[in-house]
Amino acid sequence: MSEVLHRLLLDGRDTFVTQETAEALLGRWDVLGLRMVLAALASADDDTGDHLDAAILNVCGQSEEDGERLTALCSALTSDEDDAVSGEARRILGPLR
């Protein structure tokens, strides 16, 4: 299942699918969903990455409470075993702090 989601998140031919998949995963508000989006973001081309960043903003940037929740999830992922995921988590945390 995670391989299919990863392919959807990196579908450079249909960024609507990319963004909708990311928003659905982020809407779960859990570490697993965010981790999948960050893993895709770490290897995405610029256009796809822009859509993944937009999904994060659309879901996690609507209120102060959302920002706090995103901060907590990203903080948990800064020590992820995958350096790409932990790096993306730190990148997102930068402006939130």
PDB file of N, CA and C in Angstrom:
ATOM      1  N   MET A   1       0.823  -1.207   0.000  1.00  0.00           N
ATOM      2  CA  MET A   1       0.000   0.000   0.000  1.00  0.00           C
ATOM      3  C   MET A   1       0.856   1.255   0.000  1.00  0.00           C
ATOM      4  N   SER A   2       1.916   1.287   0.803  1.00  0.00           N
ATOM      5  CA  SER A   2       2.722   2.497   0.877  1.00  0.00           C
ATOM      6  C   SER A   2       3.420   2.781  -0.456  1.00  0.00           C
ATOM      7  N   GLU A   3       3.765   1.746  -1.220  1.00  0.00           N
ATOM      8  CA  GLU A   3       4.372   1.954  -2.537  1.00  0.00           C
ATOM      9  C   GLU A   3       3.399   2.657  -3.477  1.00  0.00           C
ATOM     10  N   VAL A   4       2.149   2.280  -3.433  1.00  0.00           N
ATOM     11  CA  VAL A   4       1.135   2.915  -4.279  1.00  0.00           C
ATOM     12  C   VAL A   4       0.975   4.376  -3.880  1.00  0.00           C
ATOM     13  N   LEU A   5       0.896   4.640  -2.594  1.00  0.00           N
ATOM     14  CA  LEU A   5       0.764   6.028  -2.134  1.00  0.00           C
ATOM     15  C   LEU A   5       1.980   6.849  -2.526  1.00  0.00           C
ATOM     16  N   HIS A   6       3.155   6.267  -2.410  1.00  0.00           N
ATOM     17  CA  HIS A   6       4.376   6.969  -2.789  1.00  0.00           C
ATOM     18  C   HIS A   6       4.346   7.342  -4.270  1.00  0.00           C
ATOM     19  N   ARG A   7       3.890   6.416  -5.121  1.00  0.00           N
ATOM     20  CA  ARG A   7       3.781   6.713  -6.557  1.00  0.00           C
ATOM     21  C   ARG A   7       2.760   7.820  -6.811  1.00  0.00           C
ATOM     22  N   LEU A   8       1.661   7.799  -6.089  1.00  0.00           N
ATOM     23  CA  LEU A   8       0.656   8.853  -6.261  1.00  0.00           C
ATOM     24  C   LEU A   8       1.198  10.212  -5.820  1.00  0.00           C
ATOM     25  N   LEU A   9       1.960  10.211  -4.739  1.00  0.00           N
ATOM     26  CA  LEU A   9       2.534  11.464  -4.241  1.00  0.00           C
ATOM     27  C   LEU A   9       3.568  12.046  -5.199  1.00  0.00           C
ATOM     28  N   LEU A  10       4.181  11.202  -6.001  1.00  0.00           N
ATOM     29  CA  LEU A  10       5.219  11.653  -6.927  1.00  0.00           C
ATOM     30  C   LEU A  10       4.772  11.618  -8.383  1.00  0.00           C
ATOM     31  N   ASP A  11       3.461  11.619  -8.622  1.00  0.00           N
ATOM     32  CA  ASP A  11       2.927  11.563  -9.983  1.00  0.00           C
ATOM     33  C   ASP A  11       3.112  12.923 -10.663  1.00  0.00           C
ATOM     34  N   GLY A  12       4.250  13.094 -11.317  1.00  0.00           N
ATOM     35  CA  GLY A  12       4.553  14.359 -11.972  1.00  0.00           C
ATOM     36  C   GLY A  12       3.676  14.663 -13.171  1.00  0.00           C
ATOM     37  N   ARG A  13       2.981  13.672 -13.681  1.00  0.00           N
ATOM     38  CA  ARG A  13       2.088  13.901 -14.820  1.00  0.00           C
ATOM     39  C   ARG A  13       0.725  14.413 -14.380  1.00  0.00           C
ATOM     40  N   ASP A  14       0.368  14.208 -13.124  1.00  0.00           N
ATOM     41  CA  ASP A  14      -0.944  14.639 -12.633  1.00  0.00           C
ATOM     42  C   ASP A  14      -0.790  15.177 -11.223  1.00  0.00           C
ATOM     43  N   THR A  15      -0.426  16.440 -11.134  1.00  0.00           N
ATOM     44  CA  THR A  15      -0.177  17.032  -9.819  1.00  0.00           C
ATOM     45  C   THR A  15      -1.454  17.189  -8.998  1.00  0.00           C
ATOM     46  N   PHE A  16      -2.607  17.130  -9.638  1.00  0.00           N
ATOM     47  CA  PHE A  16      -3.856  17.127  -8.872  1.00  0.00           C
ATOM     48  C   PHE A  16      -3.907  15.887  -7.990  1.00  0.00           C
ATOM     49  N   VAL A  17      -3.538  14.743  -8.560  1.00  0.00           N
ATOM     50  CA  VAL A  17      -3.502  13.493  -7.795  1.00  0.00           C
ATOM     51  C   VAL A  17      -2.481  13.617  -6.663  1.00  0.00           C
ATOM     52  N   THR A  18      -1.324  14.186  -6.986  1.00  0.00           N
ATOM     53  CA  THR A  18      -0.284  14.387  -5.975  1.00  0.00           C
ATOM     54  C   THR A  18      -0.824  15.189  -4.801  1.00  0.00           C
ATOM     55  N   GLN A  19      -1.404  16.320  -5.095  1.00  0.00           N
ATOM     56  CA  GLN A  19      -1.877  17.207  -4.034  1.00  0.00           C
ATOM     57  C   GLN A  19      -3.037  16.601  -3.257  1.00  0.00           C
ATOM     58  N   GLU A  20      -3.965  15.978  -3.937  1.00  0.00           N
ATOM     59  CA  GLU A  20      -5.110  15.359  -3.247  1.00  0.00           C
ATOM     60  C   GLU A  20      -4.670  14.203  -2.350  1.00  0.00           C
ATOM     61  N   THR A  21      -3.733  13.395  -2.822  1.00  0.00           N
ATOM     62  CA  THR A  21      -3.214  12.294  -2.008  1.00  0.00           C
ATOM     63  C   THR A  21      -2.519  12.835  -0.774  1.00  0.00           C
ATOM     64  N   ALA A  22      -1.694  13.865  -0.967  1.00  0.00           N
ATOM     65  CA  ALA A  22      -0.989  14.463   0.170  1.00  0.00           C
ATOM     66  C   ALA A  22      -1.974  15.053   1.173  1.00  0.00           C
ATOM     67  N   GLU A  23      -2.986  15.753   0.689  1.00  0.00           N
ATOM     68  CA  GLU A  23      -3.968  16.350   1.599  1.00  0.00           C
ATOM     69  C   GLU A  23      -4.724  15.288   2.375  1.00  0.00           C
ATOM     70  N   ALA A  24      -5.039  14.179   1.730  1.00  0.00           N
ATOM     71  CA  ALA A  24      -5.734  13.096   2.440  1.00  0.00           C
ATOM     72  C   ALA A  24      -4.844  12.500   3.528  1.00  0.00           C
ATOM     73  N   LEU A  25      -3.566  12.290   3.217  1.00  0.00           N
ATOM     74  CA  LEU A  25      -2.647  11.750   4.221  1.00  0.00           C
ATOM     75  C   LEU A  25      -2.434  12.733   5.365  1.00  0.00           C
ATOM     76  N   LEU A  26      -2.281  13.997   5.028  1.00  0.00           N
ATOM     77  CA  LEU A  26      -2.078  15.015   6.063  1.00  0.00           C
ATOM     78  C   LEU A  26      -3.326  15.209   6.918  1.00  0.00           C
ATOM     79  N   GLY A  27      -4.476  15.026   6.323  1.00  0.00           N
ATOM     80  CA  GLY A  27      -5.732  15.177   7.046  1.00  0.00           C
ATOM     81  C   GLY A  27      -5.928  14.142   8.144  1.00  0.00           C
ATOM     82  N   ARG A  28      -5.113  13.114   8.123  1.00  0.00           N
ATOM     83  CA  ARG A  28      -5.147  12.111   9.204  1.00  0.00           C
ATOM     84  C   ARG A  28      -4.555  12.673  10.495  1.00  0.00           C
ATOM     85  N   TRP A  29      -3.696  13.697  10.354  1.00  0.00           N
ATOM     86  CA  TRP A  29      -3.023  14.328  11.488  1.00  0.00           C
ATOM     87  C   TRP A  29      -2.261  13.302  12.330  1.00  0.00           C
ATOM     88  N   ASP A  30      -1.473  12.477  11.637  1.00  0.00           N
ATOM     89  CA  ASP A  30      -0.625  11.530  12.370  1.00  0.00           C
ATOM     90  C   ASP A  30       0.769  11.511  11.761  1.00  0.00           C
ATOM     91  N   VAL A  31       1.696  10.956  12.512  1.00  0.00           N
ATOM     92  CA  VAL A  31       3.094  10.916  12.087  1.00  0.00           C
ATOM     93  C   VAL A  31       3.249  10.117  10.796  1.00  0.00           C
ATOM     94  N   LEU A  32       2.540   9.021  10.657  1.00  0.00           N
ATOM     95  CA  LEU A  32       2.670   8.182   9.466  1.00  0.00           C
ATOM     96  C   LEU A  32       2.283   8.942   8.201  1.00  0.00           C
ATOM     97  N   GLY A  33       1.167   9.622   8.223  1.00  0.00           N
ATOM     98  CA  GLY A  33       0.731  10.380   7.052  1.00  0.00           C
ATOM     99  C   GLY A  33       1.726  11.471   6.690  1.00  0.00           C
ATOM    100  N   LEU A  34       2.164  12.240   7.682  1.00  0.00           N
ATOM    101  CA  LEU A  34       3.139  13.296   7.424  1.00  0.00           C
ATOM    102  C   LEU A  34       4.456  12.705   6.945  1.00  0.00           C
ATOM    103  N   ARG A  35       4.872  11.606   7.520  1.00  0.00           N
ATOM    104  CA  ARG A  35       6.135  10.968   7.126  1.00  0.00           C
ATOM    105  C   ARG A  35       6.107  10.580   5.650  1.00  0.00           C
ATOM    106  N   MET A  36       4.988  10.056   5.183  1.00  0.00           N
ATOM    107  CA  MET A  36       4.877   9.672   3.774  1.00  0.00           C
ATOM    108  C   MET A  36       4.989  10.885   2.861  1.00  0.00           C
ATOM    109  N   VAL A  37       4.363  11.979   3.262  1.00  0.00           N
ATOM    110  CA  VAL A  37       4.429  13.205   2.463  1.00  0.00           C
ATOM    111  C   VAL A  37       5.852  13.755   2.469  1.00  0.00           C
ATOM    112  N   LEU A  38       6.508  13.760   3.624  1.00  0.00           N
ATOM    113  CA  LEU A  38       7.872  14.280   3.704  1.00  0.00           C
ATOM    114  C   LEU A  38       8.849  13.410   2.916  1.00  0.00           C
ATOM    115  N   ALA A  39       8.656  12.107   2.933  1.00  0.00           N
ATOM    116  CA  ALA A  39       9.524  11.214   2.164  1.00  0.00           C
ATOM    117  C   ALA A  39       9.384  11.510   0.670  1.00  0.00           C
ATOM    118  N   ALA A  40       8.168  11.738   0.218  1.00  0.00           N
ATOM    119  CA  ALA A  40       7.954  12.084  -1.189  1.00  0.00           C
ATOM    120  C   ALA A  40       8.546  13.456  -1.499  1.00  0.00           C
ATOM    121  N   LEU A  41       8.347  14.392  -0.609  1.00  0.00           N
ATOM    122  CA  LEU A  41       8.852  15.746  -0.810  1.00  0.00           C
ATOM    123  C   LEU A  41      10.371  15.751  -0.962  1.00  0.00           C
ATOM    124  N   ALA A  42      11.033  14.904  -0.227  1.00  0.00           N
ATOM    125  CA  ALA A  42      12.495  14.856  -0.262  1.00  0.00           C
ATOM    126  C   ALA A  42      13.034  14.431  -1.627  1.00  0.00           C
ATOM    127  N   SER A  43      12.240  13.685  -2.396  1.00  0.00           N
ATOM    128  CA  SER A  43      12.727  13.212  -3.696  1.00  0.00           C
ATOM    129  C   SER A  43      11.945  13.787  -4.876  1.00  0.00           C
ATOM    130  N   ALA A  44      11.045  14.714  -4.606  1.00  0.00           N
ATOM    131  CA  ALA A  44      10.183  15.260  -5.656  1.00  0.00           C
ATOM    132  C   ALA A  44      10.932  16.269  -6.530  1.00  0.00           C
ATOM    133  N   ASP A  45      10.509  16.362  -7.782  1.00  0.00           N
ATOM    134  CA  ASP A  45      11.023  17.441  -8.625  1.00  0.00           C
ATOM    135  C   ASP A  45      10.402  18.754  -8.141  1.00  0.00           C
ATOM    136  N   ASP A  46      10.862  19.868  -8.671  1.00  0.00           N
ATOM    137  CA  ASP A  46      10.430  21.179  -8.161  1.00  0.00           C
ATOM    138  C   ASP A  46       8.920  21.391  -8.252  1.00  0.00           C
ATOM    139  N   ASP A  47       8.322  21.045  -9.391  1.00  0.00           N
ATOM    140  CA  ASP A  47       6.882  21.256  -9.565  1.00  0.00           C
ATOM    141  C   ASP A  47       6.070  20.385  -8.608  1.00  0.00           C
ATOM    142  N   THR A  48       6.418  19.121  -8.536  1.00  0.00           N
ATOM    143  CA  THR A  48       5.710  18.213  -7.627  1.00  0.00           C
ATOM    144  C   THR A  48       5.923  18.655  -6.186  1.00  0.00           C
ATOM    145  N   GLY A  49       7.134  19.062  -5.854  1.00  0.00           N
ATOM    146  CA  GLY A  49       7.427  19.557  -4.509  1.00  0.00           C
ATOM    147  C   GLY A  49       6.585  20.768  -4.150  1.00  0.00           C
ATOM    148  N   ASP A  50       6.363  21.650  -5.131  1.00  0.00           N
ATOM    149  CA  ASP A  50       5.506  22.816  -4.877  1.00  0.00           C
ATOM    150  C   ASP A  50       4.088  22.388  -4.514  1.00  0.00           C
ATOM    151  N   HIS A  51       3.585  21.355  -5.181  1.00  0.00           N
ATOM    152  CA  HIS A  51       2.236  20.860  -4.880  1.00  0.00           C
ATOM    153  C   HIS A  51       2.181  20.166  -3.521  1.00  0.00           C
ATOM    154  N   LEU A  52       3.238  19.477  -3.161  1.00  0.00           N
ATOM    155  CA  LEU A  52       3.282  18.845  -1.836  1.00  0.00           C
ATOM    156  C   LEU A  52       3.361  19.913  -0.747  1.00  0.00           C
ATOM    157  N   ASP A  53       4.174  20.952  -0.971  1.00  0.00           N
ATOM    158  CA  ASP A  53       4.226  22.063  -0.014  1.00  0.00           C
ATOM    159  C   ASP A  53       2.866  22.753   0.097  1.00  0.00           C
ATOM    160  N   ALA A  54       2.191  22.920  -1.046  1.00  0.00           N
ATOM    161  CA  ALA A  54       0.862  23.543  -1.032  1.00  0.00           C
ATOM    162  C   ALA A  54      -0.124  22.695  -0.230  1.00  0.00           C
ATOM    163  N   ALA A  55      -0.025  21.386  -0.343  1.00  0.00           N
ATOM    164  CA  ALA A  55      -0.908  20.495   0.426  1.00  0.00           C
ATOM    165  C   ALA A  55      -0.667  20.674   1.918  1.00  0.00           C
ATOM    166  N   ILE A  56       0.607  20.774   2.304  1.00  0.00           N
ATOM    167  CA  ILE A  56       0.920  20.993   3.723  1.00  0.00           C
ATOM    168  C   ILE A  56       0.302  22.296   4.199  1.00  0.00           C
ATOM    169  N   LEU A  57       0.441  23.347   3.408  1.00  0.00           N
ATOM    170  CA  LEU A  57      -0.144  24.637   3.779  1.00  0.00           C
ATOM    171  C   LEU A  57      -1.672  24.569   3.818  1.00  0.00           C
ATOM    172  N   ASN A  58      -2.274  23.911   2.821  1.00  0.00           N
ATOM    173  CA  ASN A  58      -3.742  23.813   2.764  1.00  0.00           C
ATOM    174  C   ASN A  58      -4.324  23.084   3.969  1.00  0.00           C
ATOM    175  N   VAL A  59      -3.668  22.036   4.401  1.00  0.00           N
ATOM    176  CA  VAL A  59      -4.201  21.225   5.500  1.00  0.00           C
ATOM    177  C   VAL A  59      -3.714  21.720   6.862  1.00  0.00           C
ATOM    178  N   CYS A  60      -2.455  22.065   6.929  1.00  0.00           N
ATOM    179  CA  CYS A  60      -1.827  22.324   8.231  1.00  0.00           C
ATOM    180  C   CYS A  60      -1.584  23.797   8.523  1.00  0.00           C
ATOM    181  N   GLY A  61      -2.024  24.661   7.640  1.00  0.00           N
ATOM    182  CA  GLY A  61      -1.750  26.072   7.839  1.00  0.00           C
ATOM    183  C   GLY A  61      -2.989  26.934   7.947  1.00  0.00           C
ATOM    184  N   GLN A  62      -4.088  26.346   8.368  1.00  0.00           N
ATOM    185  CA  GLN A  62      -5.347  27.087   8.409  1.00  0.00           C
ATOM    186  C   GLN A  62      -5.607  27.819   9.719  1.00  0.00           C
ATOM    187  N   SER A  63      -4.921  27.423  10.763  1.00  0.00           N
ATOM    188  CA  SER A  63      -5.143  28.071  12.059  1.00  0.00           C
ATOM    189  C   SER A  63      -3.890  27.936  12.921  1.00  0.00           C
ATOM    190  N   GLU A  64      -3.879  28.672  14.005  1.00  0.00           N
ATOM    191  CA  GLU A  64      -2.768  28.561  14.944  1.00  0.00           C
ATOM    192  C   GLU A  64      -2.701  27.154  15.530  1.00  0.00           C
ATOM    193  N   GLU A  65      -3.855  26.578  15.802  1.00  0.00           N
ATOM    194  CA  GLU A  65      -3.898  25.206  16.328  1.00  0.00           C
ATOM    195  C   GLU A  65      -3.289  24.216  15.325  1.00  0.00           C
ATOM    196  N   ASP A  66      -3.587  24.412  14.036  1.00  0.00           N
ATOM    197  CA  ASP A  66      -2.997  23.553  13.005  1.00  0.00           C
ATOM    198  C   ASP A  66      -1.477  23.674  13.018  1.00  0.00           C
ATOM    199  N   GLY A  67      -0.976  24.891  13.151  1.00  0.00           N
ATOM    200  CA  GLY A  67       0.464  25.103  13.220  1.00  0.00           C
ATOM    201  C   GLY A  67       1.092  24.401  14.403  1.00  0.00           C
ATOM    202  N   GLU A  68       0.407  24.419  15.525  1.00  0.00           N
ATOM    203  CA  GLU A  68       0.900  23.729  16.722  1.00  0.00           C
ATOM    204  C   GLU A  68       0.913  22.219  16.513  1.00  0.00           C
ATOM    205  N   ARG A  69      -0.126  21.714  15.877  1.00  0.00           N
ATOM    206  CA  ARG A  69      -0.188  20.274  15.605  1.00  0.00           C
ATOM    207  C   ARG A  69       0.908  19.859  14.630  1.00  0.00           C
ATOM    208  N   LEU A  70       1.122  20.679  13.590  1.00  0.00           N
ATOM    209  CA  LEU A  70       2.178  20.387  12.619  1.00  0.00           C
ATOM    210  C   LEU A  70       3.546  20.442  13.292  1.00  0.00           C
ATOM    211  N   THR A  71       3.744  21.404  14.167  1.00  0.00           N
ATOM    212  CA  THR A  71       5.009  21.509  14.905  1.00  0.00           C
ATOM    213  C   THR A  71       5.266  20.242  15.711  1.00  0.00           C
ATOM    214  N   ALA A  72       4.245  19.741  16.391  1.00  0.00           N
ATOM    215  CA  ALA A  72       4.397  18.528  17.201  1.00  0.00           C
ATOM    216  C   ALA A  72       4.739  17.318  16.325  1.00  0.00           C
ATOM    217  N   LEU A  73       4.062  17.187  15.188  1.00  0.00           N
ATOM    218  CA  LEU A  73       4.327  16.055  14.299  1.00  0.00           C
ATOM    219  C   LEU A  73       5.726  16.154  13.691  1.00  0.00           C
ATOM    220  N   CYS A  74       6.104  17.340  13.237  1.00  0.00           N
ATOM    221  CA  CYS A  74       7.436  17.509  12.646  1.00  0.00           C
ATOM    222  C   CYS A  74       8.521  17.288  13.689  1.00  0.00           C
ATOM    223  N   SER A  75       8.275  17.732  14.912  1.00  0.00           N
ATOM    224  CA  SER A  75       9.256  17.522  15.982  1.00  0.00           C
ATOM    225  C   SER A  75       9.507  16.040  16.199  1.00  0.00           C
ATOM    226  N   ALA A  76       8.447  15.249  16.109  1.00  0.00           N
ATOM    227  CA  ALA A  76       8.603  13.797  16.270  1.00  0.00           C
ATOM    228  C   ALA A  76       9.411  13.194  15.130  1.00  0.00           C
ATOM    229  N   LEU A  77       9.354  13.826  13.962  1.00  0.00           N
ATOM    230  CA  LEU A  77      10.046  13.273  12.794  1.00  0.00           C
ATOM    231  C   LEU A  77      11.463  13.804  12.609  1.00  0.00           C
ATOM    232  N   THR A  78      11.888  14.761  13.408  1.00  0.00           N
ATOM    233  CA  THR A  78      13.255  15.274  13.255  1.00  0.00           C
ATOM    234  C   THR A  78      14.300  14.232  13.612  1.00  0.00           C
ATOM    235  N   SER A  79      13.917  13.217  14.330  1.00  0.00           N
ATOM    236  CA  SER A  79      14.863  12.144  14.666  1.00  0.00           C
ATOM    237  C   SER A  79      14.556  10.859  13.890  1.00  0.00           C
ATOM    238  N   ASP A  80      13.823  10.975  12.784  1.00  0.00           N
ATOM    239  CA  ASP A  80      13.491   9.814  11.965  1.00  0.00           C
ATOM    240  C   ASP A  80      14.765   9.168  11.439  1.00  0.00           C
ATOM    241  N   GLU A  81      14.739   7.857  11.287  1.00  0.00           N
ATOM    242  CA  GLU A  81      15.908   7.127  10.797  1.00  0.00           C
ATOM    243  C   GLU A  81      16.257   7.474   9.350  1.00  0.00           C
ATOM    244  N   ASP A  82      15.285   7.957   8.592  1.00  0.00           N
ATOM    245  CA  ASP A  82      15.516   8.376   7.204  1.00  0.00           C
ATOM    246  C   ASP A  82      15.953   9.846   7.225  1.00  0.00           C
ATOM    247  N   ASP A  83      17.189  10.095   6.838  1.00  0.00           N
ATOM    248  CA  ASP A  83      17.727  11.454   6.867  1.00  0.00           C
ATOM    249  C   ASP A  83      16.921  12.425   6.014  1.00  0.00           C
ATOM    250  N   ALA A  84      16.369  11.941   4.910  1.00  0.00           N
ATOM    251  CA  ALA A  84      15.575  12.804   4.039  1.00  0.00           C
ATOM    252  C   ALA A  84      14.303  13.271   4.756  1.00  0.00           C
ATOM    253  N   VAL A  85      13.653  12.367   5.460  1.00  0.00           N
ATOM    254  CA  VAL A  85      12.440  12.711   6.208  1.00  0.00           C
ATOM    255  C   VAL A  85      12.772  13.669   7.339  1.00  0.00           C
ATOM    256  N   SER A  86      13.803  13.368   8.105  1.00  0.00           N
ATOM    257  CA  SER A  86      14.165  14.245   9.232  1.00  0.00           C
ATOM    258  C   SER A  86      14.588  15.619   8.724  1.00  0.00           C
ATOM    259  N   GLY A  87      15.268  15.660   7.582  1.00  0.00           N
ATOM    260  CA  GLY A  87      15.665  16.948   7.001  1.00  0.00           C
ATOM    261  C   GLY A  87      14.466  17.774   6.580  1.00  0.00           C
ATOM    262  N   GLU A  88      13.494  17.154   5.953  1.00  0.00           N
ATOM    263  CA  GLU A  88      12.274  17.872   5.555  1.00  0.00           C
ATOM    264  C   GLU A  88      11.500  18.339   6.784  1.00  0.00           C
ATOM    265  N   ALA A  89      11.462  17.519   7.820  1.00  0.00           N
ATOM    266  CA  ALA A  89      10.774  17.920   9.058  1.00  0.00           C
ATOM    267  C   ALA A  89      11.443  19.156   9.650  1.00  0.00           C
ATOM    268  N   ARG A  90      12.772  19.182   9.668  1.00  0.00           N
ATOM    269  CA  ARG A  90      13.495  20.357  10.184  1.00  0.00           C
ATOM    270  C   ARG A  90      13.259  21.580   9.309  1.00  0.00           C
ATOM    271  N   ARG A  91      13.204  21.387   7.993  1.00  0.00           N
ATOM    272  CA  ARG A  91      12.950  22.501   7.074  1.00  0.00           C
ATOM    273  C   ARG A  91      11.589  23.137   7.352  1.00  0.00           C
ATOM    274  N   ILE A  92      10.596  22.302   7.573  1.00  0.00           N
ATOM    275  CA  ILE A  92       9.251  22.819   7.843  1.00  0.00           C
ATOM    276  C   ILE A  92       9.195  23.484   9.206  1.00  0.00           C
ATOM    277  N   LEU A  93       9.906  22.934  10.167  1.00  0.00           N
ATOM    278  CA  LEU A  93       9.906  23.505  11.520  1.00  0.00           C
ATOM    279  C   LEU A  93      10.548  24.882  11.580  1.00  0.00           C
ATOM    280  N   GLY A  94      11.514  25.136  10.716  1.00  0.00           N
ATOM    281  CA  GLY A  94      12.235  26.411  10.746  1.00  0.00           C
ATOM    282  C   GLY A  94      11.328  27.620  10.892  1.00  0.00           C
ATOM    283  N   PRO A  95      10.417  27.854   9.943  1.00  0.00           N
ATOM    284  CA  PRO A  95       9.541  29.034  10.049  1.00  0.00           C
ATOM    285  C   PRO A  95       8.470  28.934  11.145  1.00  0.00           C
ATOM    286  N   LEU A  96       8.212  27.730  11.624  1.00  0.00           N
ATOM    287  CA  LEU A  96       7.164  27.554  12.639  1.00  0.00           C
ATOM    288  C   LEU A  96       7.649  27.943  14.039  1.00  0.00           C
ATOM    289  N   ARG A  97       8.951  27.968  14.200  1.00  0.00           N
ATOM    290  CA  ARG A  97       9.493  28.260  15.540  1.00  0.00           C
ATOM    291  C   ARG A  97       9.734  29.699  15.744  1.00  0.00           C
TER     292      ARG A  97
END
